[in-house]
Amino acid sequence: MTVKIGEKRLEVIEGDITDYEGEAIVNAANNHFWMGGGVAGAIKRRGGQLIEQEAMQQGPKPVGEAVITSGGTLKARHVIHAAVMGQDLRTSSAEILAATRSALQLAESNKIGSLAFPALGTGVGGFPLSEAAEIMAGAARNFLKTSRFLKRVTFILFDHEAYDILAAHLTEPTK
């Protein structure tokens, strides 16, 4: 499903974020940037240990901030690690919003034109998918209205139920 925002696109697809062929993907990270389980573990397994090493050299950071690394052996050239939780592996709506905005801004400042997100905080962090979807879709929609370089934001969800939930939030008016 795709929503146009002027000449830019906000989309949601079902699949594996490690297969994304755009410029960058977002990792749902802890603030020390260790890559153990969930999306982070999948990115590390597919893209290599170098991604984690590059990220950890830039941490720790406050929850809500993001860092950028190479994409290792992934198809995407970069990974943006959005610190959506601390060492306790818990998150909140404010932290998901801050991490989403930080990832979007880091992509823009690095002149990245296409970026893919997982559902931040909903796996290891245990945050409700519907709430995360509302927060992230709204932040991405608002950001794309004024971005210069970022032209496409894609949410890549692992199953059909998650896809349906996020797709429903793409067409909702911004709160």
N, C-alpha and C. Protein backbone atom coordinates (compact mmCIF):
# COMPACT_ATOMS: atom_id res chain seq x y z
N MET A 1 0.84 -1.17 0.00
CA MET A 1 0.00 0.00 0.00
C MET A 1 0.88 1.24 0.00
N THR A 2 0.54 2.22 -0.82
CA THR A 2 1.33 3.45 -0.94
C THR A 2 0.42 4.67 -0.79
N VAL A 3 0.92 5.65 -0.04
CA VAL A 3 0.25 6.95 0.10
C VAL A 3 1.22 7.99 -0.46
N LYS A 4 0.73 8.84 -1.35
CA LYS A 4 1.58 9.90 -1.91
C LYS A 4 1.45 11.15 -1.05
N ILE A 5 2.58 11.78 -0.84
CA ILE A 5 2.65 13.06 -0.13
C ILE A 5 3.40 13.99 -1.07
N GLY A 6 2.65 14.69 -1.91
CA GLY A 6 3.28 15.45 -2.99
C GLY A 6 3.95 14.46 -3.93
N GLU A 7 5.24 14.67 -4.16
CA GLU A 7 6.01 13.76 -5.02
C GLU A 7 6.67 12.64 -4.22
N LYS A 8 6.43 12.60 -2.92
CA LYS A 8 7.07 11.60 -2.06
C LYS A 8 6.10 10.47 -1.77
N ARG A 9 6.66 9.33 -1.29
CA ARG A 9 5.83 8.16 -1.03
C ARG A 9 6.05 7.61 0.38
N LEU A 10 4.96 7.23 0.97
CA LEU A 10 4.94 6.54 2.26
C LEU A 10 4.26 5.21 1.98
N GLU A 11 4.95 4.11 2.27
CA GLU A 11 4.39 2.82 1.89
C GLU A 11 4.59 1.78 2.98
N VAL A 12 3.79 0.74 2.89
CA VAL A 12 3.92 -0.40 3.79
C VAL A 12 3.90 -1.67 2.95
N ILE A 13 4.84 -2.56 3.26
CA ILE A 13 4.89 -3.84 2.57
C ILE A 13 5.12 -4.95 3.60
N GLU A 14 4.76 -6.15 3.21
CA GLU A 14 5.00 -7.32 4.05
C GLU A 14 6.28 -7.98 3.55
N GLY A 15 7.20 -8.28 4.47
CA GLY A 15 8.44 -8.92 4.04
C GLY A 15 9.52 -8.87 5.09
N ASP A 16 10.75 -9.04 4.62
CA ASP A 16 11.94 -9.10 5.46
C ASP A 16 12.75 -7.82 5.21
N ILE A 17 12.92 -7.01 6.24
CA ILE A 17 13.62 -5.73 6.08
C ILE A 17 15.06 -5.92 5.61
N THR A 18 15.65 -7.07 5.89
CA THR A 18 17.04 -7.29 5.46
C THR A 18 17.16 -7.50 3.95
N ASP A 19 16.03 -7.67 3.27
CA ASP A 19 16.03 -7.80 1.80
C ASP A 19 15.84 -6.45 1.10
N TYR A 20 15.63 -5.38 1.86
CA TYR A 20 15.33 -4.07 1.27
C TYR A 20 16.46 -3.59 0.37
N GLU A 21 16.10 -3.12 -0.82
CA GLU A 21 17.09 -2.69 -1.80
C GLU A 21 17.21 -1.16 -1.90
N GLY A 22 16.60 -0.43 -0.98
CA GLY A 22 16.75 1.02 -0.95
C GLY A 22 18.08 1.42 -0.33
N GLU A 23 18.20 2.70 -0.02
CA GLU A 23 19.48 3.22 0.47
C GLU A 23 19.79 2.85 1.91
N ALA A 24 18.76 2.80 2.78
CA ALA A 24 19.03 2.55 4.20
C ALA A 24 17.85 1.85 4.86
N ILE A 25 18.17 1.07 5.89
CA ILE A 25 17.14 0.48 6.73
C ILE A 25 17.36 0.96 8.17
N VAL A 26 16.30 0.89 8.95
CA VAL A 26 16.38 1.27 10.36
C VAL A 26 16.40 0.00 11.20
N ASN A 27 17.28 0.01 12.19
CA ASN A 27 17.37 -1.05 13.17
C ASN A 27 16.70 -0.57 14.45
N ALA A 28 15.80 -1.37 15.00
CA ALA A 28 15.19 -1.09 16.30
C ALA A 28 16.23 -1.46 17.36
N ALA A 29 16.96 -0.47 17.85
CA ALA A 29 18.15 -0.71 18.67
C ALA A 29 17.93 -0.38 20.14
N ASN A 30 18.82 -0.94 20.97
CA ASN A 30 18.95 -0.46 22.34
C ASN A 30 20.00 0.65 22.32
N ASN A 31 20.10 1.40 23.38
CA ASN A 31 20.96 2.58 23.36
C ASN A 31 22.46 2.29 23.44
N HIS A 32 22.82 1.02 23.59
CA HIS A 32 24.24 0.62 23.53
C HIS A 32 24.57 0.01 22.17
N PHE A 33 23.52 -0.23 21.38
CA PHE A 33 23.64 -0.72 20.00
C PHE A 33 24.15 -2.16 19.90
N TRP A 34 23.93 -2.95 20.97
CA TRP A 34 24.19 -4.39 20.88
C TRP A 34 23.12 -4.97 19.98
N MET A 35 23.49 -5.90 19.15
CA MET A 35 22.55 -6.49 18.20
C MET A 35 22.37 -7.97 18.51
N GLY A 36 21.37 -8.27 19.36
CA GLY A 36 21.15 -9.65 19.79
C GLY A 36 20.00 -10.31 19.07
N GLY A 37 18.77 -9.98 19.49
CA GLY A 37 17.59 -10.65 18.95
C GLY A 37 16.75 -9.73 18.10
N GLY A 38 15.60 -10.23 17.69
CA GLY A 38 14.65 -9.45 16.92
C GLY A 38 15.22 -8.95 15.60
N VAL A 39 14.79 -7.75 15.21
CA VAL A 39 15.25 -7.14 13.95
C VAL A 39 16.76 -6.95 13.97
N ALA A 40 17.29 -6.50 15.11
CA ALA A 40 18.74 -6.27 15.21
C ALA A 40 19.53 -7.55 14.95
N GLY A 41 19.07 -8.66 15.53
CA GLY A 41 19.75 -9.93 15.31
C GLY A 41 19.70 -10.36 13.84
N ALA A 42 18.55 -10.14 13.21
CA ALA A 42 18.41 -10.50 11.80
C ALA A 42 19.34 -9.65 10.93
N ILE A 43 19.43 -8.36 11.23
CA ILE A 43 20.32 -7.46 10.47
C ILE A 43 21.77 -7.90 10.64
N LYS A 44 22.16 -8.21 11.86
CA LYS A 44 23.54 -8.64 12.12
C LYS A 44 23.85 -9.96 11.42
N ARG A 45 22.93 -10.92 11.49
CA ARG A 45 23.16 -12.21 10.82
C ARG A 45 23.30 -12.03 9.31
N ARG A 46 22.50 -11.18 8.74
CA ARG A 46 22.47 -11.01 7.28
C ARG A 46 23.55 -10.04 6.79
N GLY A 47 23.83 -8.99 7.57
CA GLY A 47 24.76 -7.95 7.11
C GLY A 47 26.16 -8.05 7.67
N GLY A 48 26.34 -8.87 8.72
CA GLY A 48 27.68 -9.08 9.27
C GLY A 48 27.95 -8.33 10.57
N GLN A 49 28.95 -8.83 11.26
CA GLN A 49 29.38 -8.30 12.56
C GLN A 49 29.84 -6.84 12.48
N LEU A 50 30.36 -6.43 11.34
CA LEU A 50 30.87 -5.06 11.17
C LEU A 50 29.80 -4.02 11.50
N ILE A 51 28.56 -4.29 11.16
CA ILE A 51 27.47 -3.33 11.44
C ILE A 51 27.38 -3.07 12.94
N GLU A 52 27.38 -4.14 13.73
CA GLU A 52 27.31 -3.98 15.19
C GLU A 52 28.55 -3.26 15.72
N GLN A 53 29.73 -3.60 15.21
CA GLN A 53 30.95 -2.96 15.68
C GLN A 53 30.91 -1.45 15.41
N GLU A 54 30.50 -1.07 14.21
CA GLU A 54 30.42 0.35 13.87
C GLU A 54 29.41 1.08 14.75
N ALA A 55 28.29 0.44 15.03
CA ALA A 55 27.25 1.06 15.85
C ALA A 55 27.73 1.21 17.29
N MET A 56 28.30 0.16 17.87
CA MET A 56 28.72 0.19 19.26
C MET A 56 29.83 1.22 19.50
N GLN A 57 30.64 1.49 18.50
CA GLN A 57 31.68 2.51 18.63
C GLN A 57 31.09 3.90 18.83
N GLN A 58 29.83 4.08 18.44
CA GLN A 58 29.17 5.38 18.55
C GLN A 58 28.29 5.50 19.80
N GLY A 59 28.20 4.44 20.57
CA GLY A 59 27.32 4.44 21.73
C GLY A 59 28.10 4.46 23.02
N PRO A 60 27.38 4.47 24.15
CA PRO A 60 25.92 4.55 24.22
C PRO A 60 25.42 5.97 23.93
N LYS A 61 24.16 6.04 23.57
CA LYS A 61 23.46 7.31 23.31
C LYS A 61 22.19 7.32 24.15
N PRO A 62 21.62 8.48 24.39
CA PRO A 62 20.33 8.52 25.07
C PRO A 62 19.26 7.83 24.22
N VAL A 63 18.30 7.19 24.89
CA VAL A 63 17.18 6.58 24.18
C VAL A 63 16.47 7.69 23.40
N GLY A 64 16.14 7.39 22.15
CA GLY A 64 15.50 8.37 21.27
C GLY A 64 16.44 8.91 20.21
N GLU A 65 17.74 8.71 20.39
CA GLU A 65 18.72 9.16 19.39
C GLU A 65 19.04 8.03 18.41
N ALA A 66 19.74 8.37 17.34
CA ALA A 66 20.08 7.39 16.31
C ALA A 66 21.50 7.61 15.82
N VAL A 67 22.12 6.53 15.32
CA VAL A 67 23.44 6.59 14.69
C VAL A 67 23.36 5.86 13.35
N ILE A 68 24.32 6.14 12.47
CA ILE A 68 24.33 5.52 11.15
C ILE A 68 25.61 4.72 10.96
N THR A 69 25.47 3.57 10.31
CA THR A 69 26.62 2.73 9.98
C THR A 69 26.52 2.31 8.52
N SER A 70 27.53 1.58 8.09
CA SER A 70 27.45 0.95 6.77
C SER A 70 26.39 -0.14 6.81
N GLY A 71 26.06 -0.67 5.66
CA GLY A 71 25.11 -1.77 5.58
C GLY A 71 25.78 -3.13 5.55
N GLY A 72 27.10 -3.16 5.73
CA GLY A 72 27.80 -4.44 5.69
C GLY A 72 27.51 -5.15 4.37
N THR A 73 27.07 -6.38 4.45
CA THR A 73 26.77 -7.15 3.23
C THR A 73 25.28 -7.12 2.86
N LEU A 74 24.52 -6.23 3.49
CA LEU A 74 23.11 -6.04 3.13
C LEU A 74 23.00 -5.36 1.77
N LYS A 75 21.83 -5.43 1.15
CA LYS A 75 21.59 -4.70 -0.09
C LYS A 75 21.53 -3.20 0.16
N ALA A 76 21.00 -2.80 1.32
CA ALA A 76 20.97 -1.38 1.71
C ALA A 76 22.39 -0.93 2.04
N ARG A 77 22.74 0.29 1.64
CA ARG A 77 24.10 0.81 1.88
C ARG A 77 24.34 1.21 3.33
N HIS A 78 23.26 1.56 4.03
CA HIS A 78 23.39 2.05 5.41
C HIS A 78 22.37 1.40 6.32
N VAL A 79 22.72 1.38 7.61
CA VAL A 79 21.77 1.01 8.66
C VAL A 79 21.73 2.20 9.63
N ILE A 80 20.52 2.67 9.90
CA ILE A 80 20.33 3.70 10.92
C ILE A 80 19.79 2.99 12.15
N HIS A 81 20.55 3.08 13.23
CA HIS A 81 20.21 2.41 14.48
C HIS A 81 19.46 3.40 15.37
N ALA A 82 18.16 3.21 15.50
CA ALA A 82 17.31 4.09 16.30
C ALA A 82 17.19 3.50 17.70
N ALA A 83 17.76 4.19 18.68
CA ALA A 83 17.74 3.71 20.07
C ALA A 83 16.34 3.90 20.64
N VAL A 84 15.56 2.84 20.56
CA VAL A 84 14.17 2.90 20.97
C VAL A 84 13.97 2.38 22.39
N MET A 85 15.04 1.80 22.97
CA MET A 85 14.95 1.28 24.33
C MET A 85 16.33 1.29 24.99
N GLY A 86 16.33 1.26 26.31
CA GLY A 86 17.56 1.19 27.08
C GLY A 86 17.92 -0.24 27.39
N GLN A 87 18.78 -0.42 28.38
CA GLN A 87 19.23 -1.76 28.75
C GLN A 87 18.11 -2.61 29.34
N ASP A 88 17.05 -1.96 29.82
CA ASP A 88 15.92 -2.72 30.36
C ASP A 88 15.03 -3.30 29.26
N LEU A 89 15.30 -2.93 28.01
CA LEU A 89 14.58 -3.42 26.83
C LEU A 89 13.09 -3.07 26.86
N ARG A 90 12.75 -1.96 27.50
CA ARG A 90 11.38 -1.44 27.52
C ARG A 90 11.36 -0.13 26.76
N THR A 91 10.19 0.22 26.25
CA THR A 91 10.07 1.47 25.51
C THR A 91 8.74 2.13 25.80
N SER A 92 8.55 3.33 25.27
CA SER A 92 7.32 4.09 25.50
C SER A 92 6.95 4.82 24.21
N SER A 93 5.77 5.40 24.19
CA SER A 93 5.35 6.15 23.01
C SER A 93 6.28 7.33 22.75
N ALA A 94 6.72 8.02 23.79
CA ALA A 94 7.63 9.17 23.62
C ALA A 94 8.97 8.72 23.04
N GLU A 95 9.46 7.57 23.48
CA GLU A 95 10.74 7.07 22.98
C GLU A 95 10.62 6.58 21.54
N ILE A 96 9.51 5.97 21.19
CA ILE A 96 9.30 5.54 19.80
C ILE A 96 9.21 6.76 18.89
N LEU A 97 8.49 7.78 19.32
CA LEU A 97 8.39 9.01 18.52
C LEU A 97 9.77 9.65 18.35
N ALA A 98 10.52 9.79 19.43
CA ALA A 98 11.85 10.41 19.36
C ALA A 98 12.78 9.61 18.46
N ALA A 99 12.77 8.28 18.59
CA ALA A 99 13.65 7.43 17.79
C ALA A 99 13.27 7.50 16.31
N THR A 100 11.98 7.53 16.02
CA THR A 100 11.52 7.63 14.63
C THR A 100 11.97 8.95 14.03
N ARG A 101 11.74 10.04 14.74
CA ARG A 101 12.16 11.36 14.26
C ARG A 101 13.67 11.44 14.08
N SER A 102 14.43 10.88 15.01
CA SER A 102 15.89 10.89 14.91
C SER A 102 16.36 10.12 13.68
N ALA A 103 15.75 8.97 13.42
CA ALA A 103 16.13 8.18 12.23
C ALA A 103 15.82 8.94 10.95
N LEU A 104 14.64 9.56 10.89
CA LEU A 104 14.27 10.34 9.71
C LEU A 104 15.24 11.51 9.49
N GLN A 105 15.56 12.23 10.56
CA GLN A 105 16.46 13.37 10.45
C GLN A 105 17.87 12.93 10.06
N LEU A 106 18.34 11.82 10.59
CA LEU A 106 19.67 11.31 10.25
C LEU A 106 19.72 10.91 8.77
N ALA A 107 18.64 10.30 8.28
CA ALA A 107 18.57 9.97 6.85
C ALA A 107 18.64 11.25 6.02
N GLU A 108 17.88 12.24 6.39
CA GLU A 108 17.85 13.51 5.66
C GLU A 108 19.22 14.18 5.67
N SER A 109 19.87 14.22 6.83
CA SER A 109 21.17 14.90 6.92
C SER A 109 22.26 14.15 6.17
N ASN A 110 22.04 12.86 5.90
CA ASN A 110 22.99 12.07 5.10
C ASN A 110 22.55 11.94 3.64
N LYS A 111 21.56 12.74 3.25
CA LYS A 111 21.06 12.80 1.87
C LYS A 111 20.59 11.43 1.36
N ILE A 112 19.93 10.70 2.25
CA ILE A 112 19.38 9.40 1.90
C ILE A 112 17.99 9.61 1.32
N GLY A 113 17.73 9.00 0.18
CA GLY A 113 16.46 9.20 -0.51
C GLY A 113 15.40 8.17 -0.18
N SER A 114 15.80 6.98 0.28
CA SER A 114 14.84 5.92 0.59
C SER A 114 15.24 5.21 1.87
N LEU A 115 14.26 5.02 2.73
CA LEU A 115 14.51 4.49 4.07
C LEU A 115 13.40 3.51 4.43
N ALA A 116 13.78 2.37 5.03
CA ALA A 116 12.80 1.38 5.47
C ALA A 116 12.86 1.20 6.98
N PHE A 117 11.69 1.15 7.59
CA PHE A 117 11.54 0.95 9.04
C PHE A 117 10.88 -0.38 9.34
N PRO A 118 11.30 -1.03 10.44
CA PRO A 118 10.47 -2.07 11.03
C PRO A 118 9.48 -1.36 11.98
N ALA A 119 8.66 -2.12 12.67
CA ALA A 119 7.78 -1.53 13.68
C ALA A 119 8.59 -1.38 14.96
N LEU A 120 9.11 -0.19 15.22
CA LEU A 120 10.01 0.05 16.34
C LEU A 120 9.37 -0.28 17.69
N GLY A 121 10.12 -1.01 18.50
CA GLY A 121 9.71 -1.27 19.88
C GLY A 121 8.67 -2.35 20.07
N THR A 122 8.20 -2.97 19.00
CA THR A 122 7.09 -3.92 19.12
C THR A 122 7.53 -5.37 19.29
N GLY A 123 8.78 -5.66 19.01
CA GLY A 123 9.27 -7.03 19.17
C GLY A 123 9.82 -7.22 20.56
N VAL A 124 11.14 -7.09 20.69
CA VAL A 124 11.81 -7.23 21.98
C VAL A 124 11.24 -6.23 22.99
N GLY A 125 10.91 -5.02 22.54
CA GLY A 125 10.39 -3.97 23.43
C GLY A 125 8.97 -4.20 23.92
N GLY A 126 8.22 -5.07 23.24
CA GLY A 126 6.89 -5.44 23.68
C GLY A 126 5.83 -4.35 23.61
N PHE A 127 6.06 -3.29 22.84
CA PHE A 127 5.10 -2.19 22.75
C PHE A 127 3.97 -2.58 21.81
N PRO A 128 2.73 -2.17 22.10
CA PRO A 128 1.61 -2.54 21.22
C PRO A 128 1.79 -2.03 19.79
N LEU A 129 1.64 -2.92 18.82
CA LEU A 129 1.85 -2.59 17.42
C LEU A 129 0.96 -1.45 16.94
N SER A 130 -0.30 -1.46 17.31
CA SER A 130 -1.22 -0.43 16.83
C SER A 130 -0.78 0.96 17.27
N GLU A 131 -0.33 1.08 18.52
CA GLU A 131 0.14 2.38 19.02
C GLU A 131 1.43 2.80 18.32
N ALA A 132 2.37 1.86 18.15
CA ALA A 132 3.63 2.17 17.46
C ALA A 132 3.35 2.58 16.02
N ALA A 133 2.42 1.89 15.37
CA ALA A 133 2.08 2.20 13.98
C ALA A 133 1.54 3.62 13.85
N GLU A 134 0.66 3.98 14.76
CA GLU A 134 0.09 5.34 14.73
C GLU A 134 1.17 6.40 14.91
N ILE A 135 2.06 6.18 15.86
CA ILE A 135 3.15 7.13 16.15
C ILE A 135 4.09 7.26 14.95
N MET A 136 4.54 6.12 14.44
CA MET A 136 5.53 6.12 13.37
C MET A 136 4.96 6.64 12.05
N ALA A 137 3.74 6.23 11.71
CA ALA A 137 3.12 6.69 10.46
C ALA A 137 2.92 8.20 10.50
N GLY A 138 2.46 8.71 11.62
CA GLY A 138 2.27 10.16 11.75
C GLY A 138 3.58 10.93 11.64
N ALA A 139 4.61 10.42 12.30
CA ALA A 139 5.92 11.10 12.25
C ALA A 139 6.48 11.09 10.83
N ALA A 140 6.37 9.96 10.15
CA ALA A 140 6.90 9.86 8.78
C ALA A 140 6.10 10.76 7.83
N ARG A 141 4.79 10.75 7.97
CA ARG A 141 3.93 11.59 7.12
C ARG A 141 4.31 13.07 7.29
N ASN A 142 4.44 13.51 8.52
CA ASN A 142 4.80 14.91 8.79
C ASN A 142 6.19 15.24 8.27
N PHE A 143 7.13 14.34 8.44
CA PHE A 143 8.50 14.59 8.01
C PHE A 143 8.59 14.72 6.49
N LEU A 144 7.90 13.85 5.79
CA LEU A 144 7.97 13.87 4.32
C LEU A 144 7.40 15.16 3.71
N LYS A 145 6.55 15.84 4.44
CA LYS A 145 5.97 17.10 3.94
C LYS A 145 7.03 18.16 3.70
N THR A 146 8.15 18.09 4.45
CA THR A 146 9.17 19.14 4.34
C THR A 146 10.56 18.63 4.00
N SER A 147 10.74 17.32 3.85
CA SER A 147 12.09 16.80 3.58
C SER A 147 12.57 17.20 2.19
N ARG A 148 13.87 17.42 2.08
CA ARG A 148 14.48 17.75 0.79
C ARG A 148 14.99 16.51 0.08
N PHE A 149 15.65 15.63 0.81
CA PHE A 149 16.32 14.49 0.20
C PHE A 149 15.52 13.19 0.34
N LEU A 150 14.92 12.99 1.49
CA LEU A 150 14.17 11.77 1.73
C LEU A 150 12.87 11.81 0.93
N LYS A 151 12.73 10.87 0.00
CA LYS A 151 11.59 10.84 -0.92
C LYS A 151 10.66 9.65 -0.69
N ARG A 152 11.19 8.59 -0.03
CA ARG A 152 10.37 7.39 0.16
C ARG A 152 10.66 6.77 1.51
N VAL A 153 9.61 6.58 2.30
CA VAL A 153 9.70 5.87 3.56
C VAL A 153 8.83 4.63 3.45
N THR A 154 9.42 3.48 3.72
CA THR A 154 8.73 2.20 3.61
C THR A 154 8.73 1.53 4.98
N PHE A 155 7.56 1.08 5.40
CA PHE A 155 7.46 0.26 6.60
C PHE A 155 7.40 -1.19 6.13
N ILE A 156 8.34 -2.00 6.59
CA ILE A 156 8.38 -3.40 6.18
C ILE A 156 8.02 -4.25 7.39
N LEU A 157 6.87 -4.91 7.28
CA LEU A 157 6.33 -5.71 8.38
C LEU A 157 6.44 -7.19 8.06
N PHE A 158 6.68 -7.98 9.10
CA PHE A 158 6.99 -9.39 8.93
C PHE A 158 5.79 -10.29 8.67
N ASP A 159 4.57 -9.83 8.98
CA ASP A 159 3.42 -10.70 8.73
C ASP A 159 2.21 -9.88 8.29
N HIS A 160 1.19 -10.58 7.83
CA HIS A 160 0.03 -9.90 7.25
C HIS A 160 -0.76 -9.10 8.29
N GLU A 161 -0.86 -9.60 9.50
CA GLU A 161 -1.58 -8.86 10.55
C GLU A 161 -0.90 -7.53 10.84
N ALA A 162 0.41 -7.55 10.97
CA ALA A 162 1.17 -6.32 11.22
C ALA A 162 1.03 -5.36 10.03
N TYR A 163 1.06 -5.91 8.83
CA TYR A 163 0.87 -5.10 7.63
C TYR A 163 -0.48 -4.38 7.68
N ASP A 164 -1.54 -5.13 7.98
CA ASP A 164 -2.89 -4.55 8.03
C ASP A 164 -2.99 -3.42 9.05
N ILE A 165 -2.38 -3.62 10.21
CA ILE A 165 -2.44 -2.61 11.27
C ILE A 165 -1.72 -1.34 10.82
N LEU A 166 -0.52 -1.46 10.28
CA LEU A 166 0.20 -0.26 9.87
C LEU A 166 -0.44 0.40 8.66
N ALA A 167 -0.91 -0.38 7.72
CA ALA A 167 -1.57 0.18 6.54
C ALA A 167 -2.78 1.03 6.94
N ALA A 168 -3.52 0.60 7.95
CA ALA A 168 -4.67 1.36 8.42
C ALA A 168 -4.26 2.73 8.94
N HIS A 169 -3.08 2.83 9.52
CA HIS A 169 -2.61 4.10 10.08
C HIS A 169 -2.01 5.04 9.02
N LEU A 170 -1.65 4.52 7.86
CA LEU A 170 -1.08 5.37 6.82
C LEU A 170 -2.10 6.36 6.28
N THR A 171 -3.34 5.96 6.25
CA THR A 171 -4.37 6.82 5.65
C THR A 171 -5.11 7.66 6.66
N GLU A 172 -4.79 7.51 7.95
CA GLU A 172 -5.45 8.31 8.97
C GLU A 172 -4.92 9.74 8.95
N PRO A 173 -5.76 10.71 9.27
CA PRO A 173 -5.28 12.09 9.37
C PRO A 173 -4.26 12.20 10.50
N THR A 174 -3.30 13.09 10.34
CA THR A 174 -2.28 13.31 11.37
C THR A 174 -2.92 13.95 12.58
N LYS A 175 -2.57 13.43 13.74
CA LYS A 175 -3.11 13.98 15.00
C LYS A 175 -2.21 15.07 15.51
